[in-house]
Amino acid sequence: ERAPTFFLIDIQPSQLDPLKKIMLDTGQVTKFSSAPMLRGVISEINGIPAKDFVGDHWAIRGDRGLTYSKVPPQNNAITDGQWWDSNYEGEALISFARKEAKEMGLSIGDKITVNVLGRDLIGTIKNFREVDFATMRINFLMVFNPSALDLAPHSNIATIYSDDKSEANLLRIISTNYPNITAISMRDTLAQVSETLSTIAEVTR
């Protein structure tokens, strides 16, 4: 009930505003949220190889989604530390998800090295955020200050909220106007998850 209708990926920067306008103009979309999207691998923490610092935590397995923002993400309360000023342009700063930071033994002031597009970016943890990934909203493990990432090549992601009856029409509009954008149906995804969990439950019984 809390999940978006569609998760959209591979939105080019020049497409974001026109796409949002088209979606809202349909009168069928109740909410459109978006964020810049890059991917990076956590390679070191405080100069120590990440695996040696945190062990086999999922955050260091493969690449992670990264974003940047002038303001705290909606529904992400700051639990420790402070957010950066909206016009801040100094060294790279990071807002990290609180629960995962605790699991990894991270503290405010720790330095994380993230490999982005083949280049190492070292950022300092400025604050921790309360992040509930179960809502299936746009959420990130790490959020950077804009000047750290905004010049790097990147695309955008978005979520669309609408009623069930409008799904087919919205998908048609997206695929017709923006064939490069991939629309992932959350209804189908949740159905697959539910089926898998049901099978596990039967096997367990």
N, C-alpha and C. Protein backbone atom coordinates (compact mmCIF):
# COMPACT_ATOMS: atom_id res chain seq x y z
N GLU A 1 0.82 -1.22 0.00
CA GLU A 1 0.00 0.00 0.00
C GLU A 1 0.85 1.26 0.00
N ARG A 2 2.10 1.17 0.49
CA ARG A 2 2.96 2.35 0.55
C ARG A 2 3.87 2.46 -0.67
N ALA A 3 3.93 1.42 -1.48
CA ALA A 3 4.89 1.39 -2.59
C ALA A 3 4.43 2.25 -3.75
N PRO A 4 5.39 2.82 -4.51
CA PRO A 4 5.02 3.58 -5.71
C PRO A 4 4.49 2.65 -6.80
N THR A 5 3.84 3.23 -7.80
CA THR A 5 3.34 2.45 -8.93
C THR A 5 4.48 2.00 -9.82
N PHE A 6 5.36 2.94 -10.17
CA PHE A 6 6.50 2.64 -11.02
C PHE A 6 7.78 3.22 -10.43
N PHE A 7 8.87 2.52 -10.67
CA PHE A 7 10.20 3.02 -10.40
C PHE A 7 10.83 3.24 -11.77
N LEU A 8 11.28 4.45 -12.07
CA LEU A 8 11.84 4.77 -13.39
C LEU A 8 13.35 4.95 -13.27
N ILE A 9 14.10 4.35 -14.19
CA ILE A 9 15.55 4.49 -14.18
C ILE A 9 16.05 4.93 -15.56
N ASP A 10 17.29 5.39 -15.60
CA ASP A 10 17.94 5.85 -16.84
C ASP A 10 17.31 7.11 -17.41
N ILE A 11 16.81 7.99 -16.55
CA ILE A 11 16.26 9.26 -17.02
C ILE A 11 17.42 10.24 -17.23
N GLN A 12 17.57 10.74 -18.43
CA GLN A 12 18.64 11.71 -18.69
C GLN A 12 18.26 13.07 -18.09
N PRO A 13 19.26 13.86 -17.68
CA PRO A 13 18.97 15.16 -17.04
C PRO A 13 18.03 16.04 -17.86
N SER A 14 18.18 16.05 -19.19
CA SER A 14 17.34 16.91 -20.03
C SER A 14 15.90 16.39 -20.12
N GLN A 15 15.68 15.14 -19.72
CA GLN A 15 14.34 14.55 -19.81
C GLN A 15 13.54 14.70 -18.54
N LEU A 16 14.19 15.01 -17.43
CA LEU A 16 13.53 14.95 -16.14
C LEU A 16 12.34 15.90 -16.03
N ASP A 17 12.55 17.17 -16.29
CA ASP A 17 11.45 18.14 -16.14
C ASP A 17 10.31 17.89 -17.12
N PRO A 18 10.60 17.64 -18.43
CA PRO A 18 9.50 17.32 -19.35
C PRO A 18 8.73 16.08 -18.94
N LEU A 19 9.45 15.05 -18.47
CA LEU A 19 8.78 13.83 -18.03
C LEU A 19 7.86 14.10 -16.85
N LYS A 20 8.35 14.85 -15.88
CA LYS A 20 7.53 15.18 -14.72
C LYS A 20 6.28 15.93 -15.13
N LYS A 21 6.40 16.88 -16.06
CA LYS A 21 5.25 17.66 -16.51
C LYS A 21 4.23 16.76 -17.21
N ILE A 22 4.72 15.88 -18.08
CA ILE A 22 3.81 14.99 -18.80
C ILE A 22 3.05 14.11 -17.81
N MET A 23 3.75 13.58 -16.82
CA MET A 23 3.11 12.69 -15.85
C MET A 23 2.06 13.42 -15.01
N LEU A 24 2.42 14.59 -14.52
CA LEU A 24 1.48 15.34 -13.68
C LEU A 24 0.29 15.87 -14.48
N ASP A 25 0.54 16.18 -15.77
CA ASP A 25 -0.54 16.69 -16.63
C ASP A 25 -1.59 15.64 -16.95
N THR A 26 -1.27 14.37 -16.76
CA THR A 26 -2.26 13.32 -17.03
C THR A 26 -3.42 13.38 -16.03
N GLY A 27 -3.17 13.97 -14.87
CA GLY A 27 -4.19 13.98 -13.82
C GLY A 27 -4.31 12.65 -13.11
N GLN A 28 -3.47 11.69 -13.49
CA GLN A 28 -3.53 10.35 -12.89
C GLN A 28 -2.39 10.11 -11.90
N VAL A 29 -1.41 11.00 -11.89
CA VAL A 29 -0.26 10.83 -11.01
C VAL A 29 -0.44 11.71 -9.77
N THR A 30 -0.41 11.09 -8.61
CA THR A 30 -0.61 11.83 -7.36
C THR A 30 0.70 12.34 -6.77
N LYS A 31 1.82 11.71 -7.17
CA LYS A 31 3.11 12.14 -6.65
C LYS A 31 4.22 11.70 -7.59
N PHE A 32 5.16 12.60 -7.85
CA PHE A 32 6.32 12.30 -8.70
C PHE A 32 7.57 12.75 -7.94
N SER A 33 8.44 11.81 -7.61
CA SER A 33 9.67 12.12 -6.89
C SER A 33 10.87 11.67 -7.72
N SER A 34 11.97 12.41 -7.62
CA SER A 34 13.14 12.05 -8.42
C SER A 34 14.42 12.38 -7.66
N ALA A 35 15.54 11.84 -8.16
CA ALA A 35 16.84 12.12 -7.56
C ALA A 35 17.93 11.80 -8.57
N PRO A 36 19.06 12.52 -8.52
CA PRO A 36 20.20 12.16 -9.36
C PRO A 36 20.69 10.77 -8.95
N MET A 37 21.30 10.04 -9.90
CA MET A 37 21.70 8.67 -9.62
C MET A 37 23.06 8.36 -10.23
N LEU A 38 24.02 7.98 -9.38
CA LEU A 38 25.31 7.46 -9.82
C LEU A 38 25.53 6.15 -9.09
N ARG A 39 26.59 5.44 -9.46
CA ARG A 39 26.93 4.22 -8.75
C ARG A 39 28.40 4.26 -8.38
N GLY A 40 28.72 3.71 -7.22
CA GLY A 40 30.09 3.69 -6.76
C GLY A 40 30.34 2.53 -5.82
N VAL A 41 31.60 2.19 -5.66
CA VAL A 41 32.01 1.08 -4.79
C VAL A 41 32.76 1.62 -3.59
N ILE A 42 32.35 1.23 -2.39
CA ILE A 42 33.08 1.61 -1.17
C ILE A 42 34.35 0.77 -1.11
N SER A 43 35.50 1.42 -1.25
CA SER A 43 36.76 0.69 -1.28
C SER A 43 37.55 0.77 0.03
N GLU A 44 37.48 1.92 0.71
CA GLU A 44 38.23 2.09 1.95
C GLU A 44 37.41 2.89 2.97
N ILE A 45 37.72 2.65 4.23
CA ILE A 45 37.15 3.44 5.32
C ILE A 45 38.30 3.85 6.23
N ASN A 46 38.50 5.14 6.38
CA ASN A 46 39.63 5.67 7.15
C ASN A 46 40.96 5.11 6.67
N GLY A 47 41.08 4.94 5.34
CA GLY A 47 42.32 4.45 4.77
C GLY A 47 42.52 2.95 4.87
N ILE A 48 41.56 2.24 5.46
CA ILE A 48 41.65 0.78 5.62
C ILE A 48 40.74 0.13 4.59
N PRO A 49 41.19 -0.96 3.93
CA PRO A 49 40.30 -1.66 2.99
C PRO A 49 38.94 -1.93 3.64
N ALA A 50 37.86 -1.63 2.91
CA ALA A 50 36.52 -1.70 3.48
C ALA A 50 36.21 -3.06 4.10
N LYS A 51 36.61 -4.14 3.45
CA LYS A 51 36.31 -5.48 3.98
C LYS A 51 37.01 -5.72 5.31
N ASP A 52 38.22 -5.16 5.46
CA ASP A 52 38.93 -5.31 6.73
C ASP A 52 38.27 -4.50 7.83
N PHE A 53 37.61 -3.41 7.46
CA PHE A 53 36.98 -2.53 8.46
C PHE A 53 35.62 -3.04 8.89
N VAL A 54 34.80 -3.49 7.93
CA VAL A 54 33.40 -3.84 8.26
C VAL A 54 33.08 -5.32 8.08
N GLY A 55 34.01 -6.11 7.56
CA GLY A 55 33.69 -7.52 7.31
C GLY A 55 32.85 -7.69 6.06
N ASP A 56 31.93 -8.63 6.10
CA ASP A 56 31.15 -8.97 4.90
C ASP A 56 29.79 -8.26 4.88
N HIS A 57 29.77 -6.99 5.20
CA HIS A 57 28.50 -6.25 5.19
C HIS A 57 28.04 -6.04 3.75
N TRP A 58 26.72 -6.07 3.54
CA TRP A 58 26.19 -5.96 2.17
C TRP A 58 26.55 -4.63 1.49
N ALA A 59 26.80 -3.60 2.28
CA ALA A 59 27.08 -2.27 1.71
C ALA A 59 28.37 -2.25 0.88
N ILE A 60 29.29 -3.18 1.13
CA ILE A 60 30.55 -3.17 0.39
C ILE A 60 30.59 -4.27 -0.67
N ARG A 61 29.49 -4.98 -0.85
CA ARG A 61 29.43 -6.00 -1.89
C ARG A 61 28.98 -5.36 -3.19
N GLY A 62 29.89 -5.15 -4.12
CA GLY A 62 29.51 -4.54 -5.39
C GLY A 62 29.27 -3.05 -5.26
N ASP A 63 28.65 -2.48 -6.30
CA ASP A 63 28.46 -1.03 -6.29
C ASP A 63 27.15 -0.65 -5.63
N ARG A 64 27.13 0.58 -5.13
CA ARG A 64 25.97 1.12 -4.43
C ARG A 64 25.45 2.34 -5.17
N GLY A 65 24.15 2.60 -5.01
CA GLY A 65 23.57 3.80 -5.58
C GLY A 65 23.99 5.02 -4.78
N LEU A 66 24.35 6.09 -5.47
CA LEU A 66 24.77 7.34 -4.83
C LEU A 66 23.92 8.49 -5.36
N THR A 67 23.75 9.50 -4.56
CA THR A 67 23.06 10.70 -5.02
C THR A 67 23.65 11.92 -4.32
N TYR A 68 23.17 13.08 -4.69
CA TYR A 68 23.59 14.32 -4.02
C TYR A 68 22.37 15.20 -3.79
N SER A 69 22.45 16.05 -2.77
CA SER A 69 21.29 16.89 -2.46
C SER A 69 21.71 18.08 -1.61
N LYS A 70 21.04 19.21 -1.84
CA LYS A 70 21.28 20.40 -1.02
C LYS A 70 20.58 20.29 0.32
N VAL A 71 19.47 19.54 0.35
CA VAL A 71 18.65 19.45 1.56
C VAL A 71 18.45 17.98 1.93
N PRO A 72 18.11 17.70 3.18
CA PRO A 72 17.88 16.31 3.58
C PRO A 72 16.72 15.69 2.79
N PRO A 73 16.84 14.42 2.40
CA PRO A 73 15.74 13.76 1.69
C PRO A 73 14.48 13.74 2.55
N GLN A 74 13.33 13.79 1.89
CA GLN A 74 12.06 13.72 2.62
C GLN A 74 11.99 12.39 3.37
N ASN A 75 11.38 12.44 4.55
CA ASN A 75 11.15 11.25 5.37
C ASN A 75 12.46 10.65 5.90
N ASN A 76 13.58 11.38 5.79
CA ASN A 76 14.86 10.93 6.35
C ASN A 76 15.26 11.89 7.46
N ALA A 77 14.85 11.62 8.68
CA ALA A 77 15.20 12.50 9.79
C ALA A 77 16.68 12.38 10.13
N ILE A 78 17.32 13.52 10.40
CA ILE A 78 18.72 13.52 10.81
C ILE A 78 18.78 13.10 12.28
N THR A 79 19.53 12.02 12.57
CA THR A 79 19.60 11.52 13.94
C THR A 79 20.87 11.94 14.66
N ASP A 80 21.95 12.15 13.94
CA ASP A 80 23.22 12.58 14.53
C ASP A 80 23.93 13.50 13.54
N GLY A 81 24.65 14.49 14.07
CA GLY A 81 25.37 15.41 13.21
C GLY A 81 24.46 16.46 12.62
N GLN A 82 24.97 17.18 11.63
CA GLN A 82 24.21 18.26 11.01
C GLN A 82 24.30 18.16 9.49
N TRP A 83 23.27 18.69 8.82
CA TRP A 83 23.29 18.75 7.36
C TRP A 83 24.18 19.92 6.94
N TRP A 84 24.69 19.85 5.71
CA TRP A 84 25.53 20.95 5.20
C TRP A 84 24.66 22.11 4.70
N ASP A 85 25.28 23.31 4.64
CA ASP A 85 24.58 24.47 4.10
C ASP A 85 24.24 24.23 2.63
N SER A 86 23.15 24.80 2.17
CA SER A 86 22.69 24.58 0.79
C SER A 86 23.68 25.07 -0.25
N ASN A 87 24.51 26.06 0.12
CA ASN A 87 25.49 26.59 -0.83
C ASN A 87 26.91 26.10 -0.54
N TYR A 88 27.05 25.04 0.25
CA TYR A 88 28.36 24.50 0.62
C TYR A 88 29.08 23.95 -0.61
N GLU A 89 30.37 24.28 -0.75
CA GLU A 89 31.16 23.81 -1.89
C GLU A 89 32.56 23.35 -1.47
N GLY A 90 32.73 22.91 -0.25
CA GLY A 90 34.03 22.46 0.24
C GLY A 90 34.29 20.99 -0.09
N GLU A 91 35.06 20.34 0.78
CA GLU A 91 35.40 18.93 0.57
C GLU A 91 34.14 18.07 0.60
N ALA A 92 34.25 16.88 0.02
CA ALA A 92 33.08 15.99 -0.07
C ALA A 92 32.59 15.58 1.31
N LEU A 93 31.28 15.74 1.52
CA LEU A 93 30.64 15.33 2.76
C LEU A 93 29.59 14.26 2.46
N ILE A 94 29.34 13.40 3.44
CA ILE A 94 28.43 12.27 3.24
C ILE A 94 27.40 12.23 4.36
N SER A 95 26.15 11.98 3.96
CA SER A 95 25.09 11.64 4.90
C SER A 95 24.86 10.14 4.77
N PHE A 96 24.99 9.41 5.87
CA PHE A 96 24.94 7.95 5.82
C PHE A 96 23.71 7.44 6.57
N ALA A 97 23.13 6.33 6.09
CA ALA A 97 21.97 5.72 6.75
C ALA A 97 22.38 5.23 8.15
N ARG A 98 21.60 5.63 9.16
CA ARG A 98 21.97 5.39 10.56
C ARG A 98 22.13 3.90 10.89
N LYS A 99 21.14 3.09 10.56
CA LYS A 99 21.15 1.68 10.95
C LYS A 99 22.35 0.96 10.35
N GLU A 100 22.60 1.21 9.05
CA GLU A 100 23.71 0.54 8.38
C GLU A 100 25.05 1.05 8.91
N ALA A 101 25.11 2.34 9.25
CA ALA A 101 26.34 2.90 9.82
C ALA A 101 26.68 2.22 11.14
N LYS A 102 25.64 1.98 11.97
CA LYS A 102 25.86 1.30 13.25
C LYS A 102 26.35 -0.12 13.03
N GLU A 103 25.75 -0.81 12.05
CA GLU A 103 26.17 -2.18 11.75
C GLU A 103 27.63 -2.23 11.30
N MET A 104 28.06 -1.18 10.59
CA MET A 104 29.41 -1.14 10.03
C MET A 104 30.44 -0.53 10.97
N GLY A 105 29.98 -0.02 12.12
CA GLY A 105 30.89 0.58 13.09
C GLY A 105 31.38 1.95 12.67
N LEU A 106 30.57 2.70 11.93
CA LEU A 106 30.97 4.02 11.46
C LEU A 106 30.61 5.10 12.46
N SER A 107 31.38 6.20 12.43
CA SER A 107 31.14 7.34 13.31
C SER A 107 31.19 8.63 12.50
N ILE A 108 30.59 9.68 13.06
CA ILE A 108 30.70 11.01 12.44
C ILE A 108 32.18 11.37 12.33
N GLY A 109 32.58 11.86 11.17
CA GLY A 109 33.98 12.22 10.95
C GLY A 109 34.79 11.15 10.25
N ASP A 110 34.28 9.92 10.18
CA ASP A 110 34.99 8.87 9.44
C ASP A 110 35.07 9.23 7.97
N LYS A 111 36.14 8.80 7.32
CA LYS A 111 36.34 9.09 5.90
C LYS A 111 36.11 7.82 5.07
N ILE A 112 35.25 7.96 4.04
CA ILE A 112 34.91 6.83 3.19
C ILE A 112 35.41 7.11 1.78
N THR A 113 36.14 6.14 1.22
CA THR A 113 36.61 6.25 -0.15
C THR A 113 35.66 5.48 -1.05
N VAL A 114 35.07 6.18 -2.02
CA VAL A 114 34.14 5.56 -2.96
C VAL A 114 34.70 5.71 -4.38
N ASN A 115 34.79 4.60 -5.09
CA ASN A 115 35.26 4.65 -6.47
C ASN A 115 34.06 4.93 -7.38
N VAL A 116 34.08 6.09 -8.03
CA VAL A 116 32.99 6.51 -8.91
C VAL A 116 33.56 6.72 -10.31
N LEU A 117 33.09 5.93 -11.27
CA LEU A 117 33.54 6.04 -12.65
C LEU A 117 35.07 5.95 -12.76
N GLY A 118 35.66 5.07 -11.95
CA GLY A 118 37.09 4.84 -12.01
C GLY A 118 37.94 5.82 -11.21
N ARG A 119 37.29 6.78 -10.53
CA ARG A 119 38.04 7.76 -9.74
C ARG A 119 37.66 7.63 -8.26
N ASP A 120 38.66 7.73 -7.39
CA ASP A 120 38.41 7.64 -5.95
C ASP A 120 37.94 8.99 -5.41
N LEU A 121 36.82 8.95 -4.71
CA LEU A 121 36.27 10.14 -4.06
C LEU A 121 36.26 9.88 -2.56
N ILE A 122 36.96 10.73 -1.80
CA ILE A 122 37.01 10.56 -0.35
C ILE A 122 36.08 11.57 0.29
N GLY A 123 35.10 11.07 1.02
CA GLY A 123 34.13 11.93 1.69
C GLY A 123 34.13 11.70 3.19
N THR A 124 33.78 12.74 3.93
CA THR A 124 33.72 12.66 5.39
C THR A 124 32.27 12.56 5.83
N ILE A 125 31.99 11.63 6.73
CA ILE A 125 30.61 11.47 7.23
C ILE A 125 30.24 12.69 8.07
N LYS A 126 29.21 13.40 7.62
CA LYS A 126 28.76 14.62 8.29
C LYS A 126 27.57 14.35 9.21
N ASN A 127 26.73 13.39 8.83
CA ASN A 127 25.55 13.11 9.65
C ASN A 127 25.01 11.72 9.34
N PHE A 128 24.10 11.26 10.20
CA PHE A 128 23.38 10.01 10.00
C PHE A 128 21.90 10.31 9.82
N ARG A 129 21.25 9.52 8.92
CA ARG A 129 19.82 9.68 8.64
C ARG A 129 19.07 8.41 8.98
N GLU A 130 17.81 8.58 9.38
CA GLU A 130 16.93 7.43 9.59
C GLU A 130 16.33 7.06 8.24
N VAL A 131 16.65 5.89 7.72
CA VAL A 131 16.20 5.48 6.40
C VAL A 131 15.41 4.17 6.50
N ASP A 132 14.19 4.18 5.98
CA ASP A 132 13.36 2.97 5.97
C ASP A 132 13.25 2.48 4.53
N PHE A 133 14.12 1.55 4.16
CA PHE A 133 14.13 1.05 2.79
C PHE A 133 12.85 0.27 2.46
N ALA A 134 12.13 -0.20 3.48
CA ALA A 134 10.93 -1.00 3.24
C ALA A 134 9.80 -0.19 2.61
N THR A 135 9.87 1.15 2.66
CA THR A 135 8.80 1.95 2.05
C THR A 135 8.88 1.92 0.53
N MET A 136 10.03 1.50 -0.02
CA MET A 136 10.26 1.45 -1.46
C MET A 136 10.23 2.84 -2.09
N ARG A 137 10.37 3.89 -1.26
CA ARG A 137 10.59 5.23 -1.81
C ARG A 137 12.02 5.30 -2.33
N ILE A 138 12.36 6.44 -2.92
CA ILE A 138 13.75 6.66 -3.33
C ILE A 138 14.58 6.89 -2.07
N ASN A 139 15.43 5.94 -1.75
CA ASN A 139 16.29 6.04 -0.58
C ASN A 139 17.71 5.63 -0.96
N PHE A 140 18.69 6.26 -0.33
CA PHE A 140 20.09 5.96 -0.62
C PHE A 140 20.84 5.70 0.67
N LEU A 141 21.78 4.78 0.60
CA LEU A 141 22.67 4.53 1.73
C LEU A 141 23.50 5.78 2.01
N MET A 142 24.02 6.40 0.91
CA MET A 142 24.87 7.58 1.04
C MET A 142 24.35 8.72 0.18
N VAL A 143 24.31 9.91 0.77
CA VAL A 143 23.97 11.14 0.05
C VAL A 143 25.14 12.09 0.19
N PHE A 144 25.61 12.67 -0.92
CA PHE A 144 26.74 13.60 -0.92
C PHE A 144 26.24 15.04 -1.07
N ASN A 145 27.10 15.97 -0.71
CA ASN A 145 26.82 17.37 -1.04
C ASN A 145 26.92 17.55 -2.56
N PRO A 146 26.14 18.44 -3.17
CA PRO A 146 26.08 18.55 -4.63
C PRO A 146 27.42 18.75 -5.32
N SER A 147 28.29 19.62 -4.81
CA SER A 147 29.53 19.92 -5.51
C SER A 147 30.46 18.72 -5.59
N ALA A 148 30.22 17.69 -4.78
CA ALA A 148 31.07 16.50 -4.82
C ALA A 148 30.79 15.63 -6.04
N LEU A 149 29.54 15.68 -6.55
CA LEU A 149 29.15 14.74 -7.61
C LEU A 149 28.42 15.36 -8.79
N ASP A 150 27.95 16.60 -8.70
CA ASP A 150 27.03 17.10 -9.73
C ASP A 150 27.67 17.25 -11.11
N LEU A 151 29.00 17.33 -11.18
CA LEU A 151 29.65 17.46 -12.48
C LEU A 151 29.97 16.11 -13.12
N ALA A 152 29.82 15.04 -12.38
CA ALA A 152 30.06 13.70 -12.92
C ALA A 152 28.89 13.28 -13.81
N PRO A 153 29.15 12.56 -14.91
CA PRO A 153 28.05 12.09 -15.76
C PRO A 153 27.09 11.21 -14.95
N HIS A 154 25.81 11.50 -15.06
CA HIS A 154 24.85 10.69 -14.30
C HIS A 154 23.46 10.81 -14.92
N SER A 155 22.61 9.89 -14.52
CA SER A 155 21.21 9.92 -14.93
C SER A 155 20.37 10.22 -13.70
N ASN A 156 19.05 10.07 -13.82
CA ASN A 156 18.15 10.29 -12.69
C ASN A 156 17.22 9.09 -12.54
N ILE A 157 16.70 8.94 -11.34
CA ILE A 157 15.66 7.94 -11.10
C ILE A 157 14.43 8.67 -10.57
N ALA A 158 13.28 8.01 -10.67
CA ALA A 158 12.05 8.64 -10.20
C ALA A 158 11.05 7.58 -9.77
N THR A 159 10.14 7.99 -8.92
CA THR A 159 9.01 7.13 -8.55
C THR A 159 7.72 7.86 -8.90
N ILE A 160 6.74 7.08 -9.32
CA ILE A 160 5.43 7.61 -9.68
C ILE A 160 4.38 6.91 -8.82
N TYR A 161 3.51 7.71 -8.23
CA TYR A 161 2.40 7.17 -7.45
C TYR A 161 1.11 7.47 -8.21
N SER A 162 0.26 6.45 -8.36
CA SER A 162 -1.02 6.63 -9.04
C SER A 162 -1.96 5.51 -8.60
N ASP A 163 -3.21 5.57 -9.07
CA ASP A 163 -4.13 4.48 -8.74
C ASP A 163 -3.92 3.31 -9.71
N ASP A 164 -4.45 2.15 -9.35
CA ASP A 164 -4.22 0.92 -10.12
C ASP A 164 -4.69 1.03 -11.56
N LYS A 165 -5.79 1.71 -11.79
CA LYS A 165 -6.40 1.72 -13.12
C LYS A 165 -5.59 2.51 -14.15
N SER A 166 -4.68 3.35 -13.70
CA SER A 166 -3.94 4.21 -14.62
C SER A 166 -2.59 3.61 -15.05
N GLU A 167 -2.23 2.46 -14.52
CA GLU A 167 -0.90 1.90 -14.77
C GLU A 167 -0.62 1.71 -16.26
N ALA A 168 -1.54 1.10 -16.97
CA ALA A 168 -1.32 0.79 -18.38
C ALA A 168 -1.16 2.06 -19.21
N ASN A 169 -1.98 3.07 -18.93
CA ASN A 169 -1.90 4.31 -19.70
C ASN A 169 -0.59 5.05 -19.43
N LEU A 170 -0.16 5.10 -18.17
CA LEU A 170 1.09 5.77 -17.83
C LEU A 170 2.28 5.06 -18.46
N LEU A 171 2.26 3.75 -18.45
CA LEU A 171 3.35 2.98 -19.06
C LEU A 171 3.42 3.25 -20.56
N ARG A 172 2.25 3.35 -21.20
CA ARG A 172 2.21 3.64 -22.63
C ARG A 172 2.80 5.02 -22.94
N ILE A 173 2.44 6.00 -22.13
CA ILE A 173 2.96 7.36 -22.34
C ILE A 173 4.47 7.40 -22.17
N ILE A 174 4.96 6.74 -21.14
CA ILE A 174 6.41 6.73 -20.88
C ILE A 174 7.17 6.06 -22.02
N SER A 175 6.72 4.88 -22.42
CA SER A 175 7.44 4.12 -23.46
C SER A 175 7.36 4.81 -24.82
N THR A 176 6.27 5.52 -25.09
CA THR A 176 6.12 6.21 -26.37
C THR A 176 7.02 7.45 -26.44
N ASN A 177 7.06 8.24 -25.38
CA ASN A 177 7.81 9.49 -25.39
C ASN A 177 9.28 9.32 -25.01
N TYR A 178 9.57 8.33 -24.19
CA TYR A 178 10.94 8.14 -23.71
C TYR A 178 11.31 6.65 -23.73
N PRO A 179 11.59 6.12 -24.90
CA PRO A 179 11.88 4.67 -25.00
C PRO A 179 13.14 4.25 -24.26
N ASN A 180 14.03 5.20 -23.93
CA ASN A 180 15.26 4.85 -23.21
C ASN A 180 15.04 4.65 -21.71
N ILE A 181 13.90 5.14 -21.20
CA ILE A 181 13.62 5.03 -19.77
C ILE A 181 12.98 3.68 -19.47
N THR A 182 13.50 3.03 -18.45
CA THR A 182 12.95 1.74 -18.02
C THR A 182 11.98 1.96 -16.86
N ALA A 183 10.76 1.48 -17.03
CA ALA A 183 9.73 1.58 -15.99
C ALA A 183 9.55 0.22 -15.33
N ILE A 184 9.80 0.16 -14.04
CA ILE A 184 9.68 -1.10 -13.29
C ILE A 184 8.39 -1.06 -12.49
N SER A 185 7.52 -2.02 -12.74
CA SER A 185 6.25 -2.07 -12.03
C SER A 185 6.46 -2.61 -10.62
N MET A 186 6.12 -1.82 -9.62
CA MET A 186 6.27 -2.28 -8.24
C MET A 186 5.23 -3.34 -7.89
N ARG A 187 4.07 -3.29 -8.56
CA ARG A 187 3.05 -4.31 -8.32
C ARG A 187 3.58 -5.69 -8.73
N ASP A 188 4.20 -5.75 -9.92
CA ASP A 188 4.76 -7.02 -10.39
C ASP A 188 5.90 -7.49 -9.49
N THR A 189 6.74 -6.54 -9.10
CA THR A 189 7.88 -6.88 -8.24
C THR A 189 7.41 -7.44 -6.90
N LEU A 190 6.44 -6.78 -6.28
CA LEU A 190 5.93 -7.23 -5.00
C LEU A 190 5.22 -8.58 -5.13
N ALA A 191 4.57 -8.80 -6.27
CA ALA A 191 3.91 -10.09 -6.50
C ALA A 191 4.93 -11.22 -6.56
N GLN A 192 6.06 -10.95 -7.20
CA GLN A 192 7.12 -11.96 -7.28
C GLN A 192 7.71 -12.25 -5.90
N VAL A 193 7.91 -11.18 -5.12
CA VAL A 193 8.43 -11.36 -3.76
C VAL A 193 7.45 -12.18 -2.92
N SER A 194 6.17 -11.85 -3.03
CA SER A 194 5.14 -12.55 -2.27
C SER A 194 5.11 -14.03 -2.64
N GLU A 195 5.21 -14.31 -3.95
CA GLU A 195 5.21 -15.71 -4.40
C GLU A 195 6.41 -16.47 -3.86
N THR A 196 7.57 -15.82 -3.87
CA THR A 196 8.78 -16.46 -3.36
C THR A 196 8.66 -16.76 -1.87
N LEU A 197 8.15 -15.77 -1.10
CA LEU A 197 7.99 -15.97 0.34
C LEU A 197 6.97 -17.08 0.64
N SER A 198 5.91 -17.16 -0.17
CA SER A 198 4.91 -18.21 0.01
C SER A 198 5.53 -19.59 -0.21
N THR A 199 6.38 -19.69 -1.25
CA THR A 199 7.05 -20.96 -1.54
C THR A 199 7.97 -21.35 -0.39
N ILE A 200 8.72 -20.39 0.14
CA ILE A 200 9.61 -20.66 1.27
C ILE A 200 8.81 -21.14 2.47
N ALA A 201 7.66 -20.50 2.71
CA ALA A 201 6.82 -20.88 3.84
C ALA A 201 6.31 -22.31 3.70
N GLU A 202 5.90 -22.67 2.47
CA GLU A 202 5.41 -24.04 2.24
C GLU A 202 6.51 -25.07 2.46
N VAL A 203 7.71 -24.78 1.93
CA VAL A 203 8.83 -25.69 2.12
C VAL A 203 9.18 -25.83 3.60
N THR A 204 9.13 -24.71 4.32
CA THR A 204 9.45 -24.74 5.75
C THR A 204 8.44 -25.60 6.52
N ARG A 205 7.15 -25.44 6.17
CA ARG A 205 6.13 -26.25 6.83
C ARG A 205 6.30 -27.73 6.53
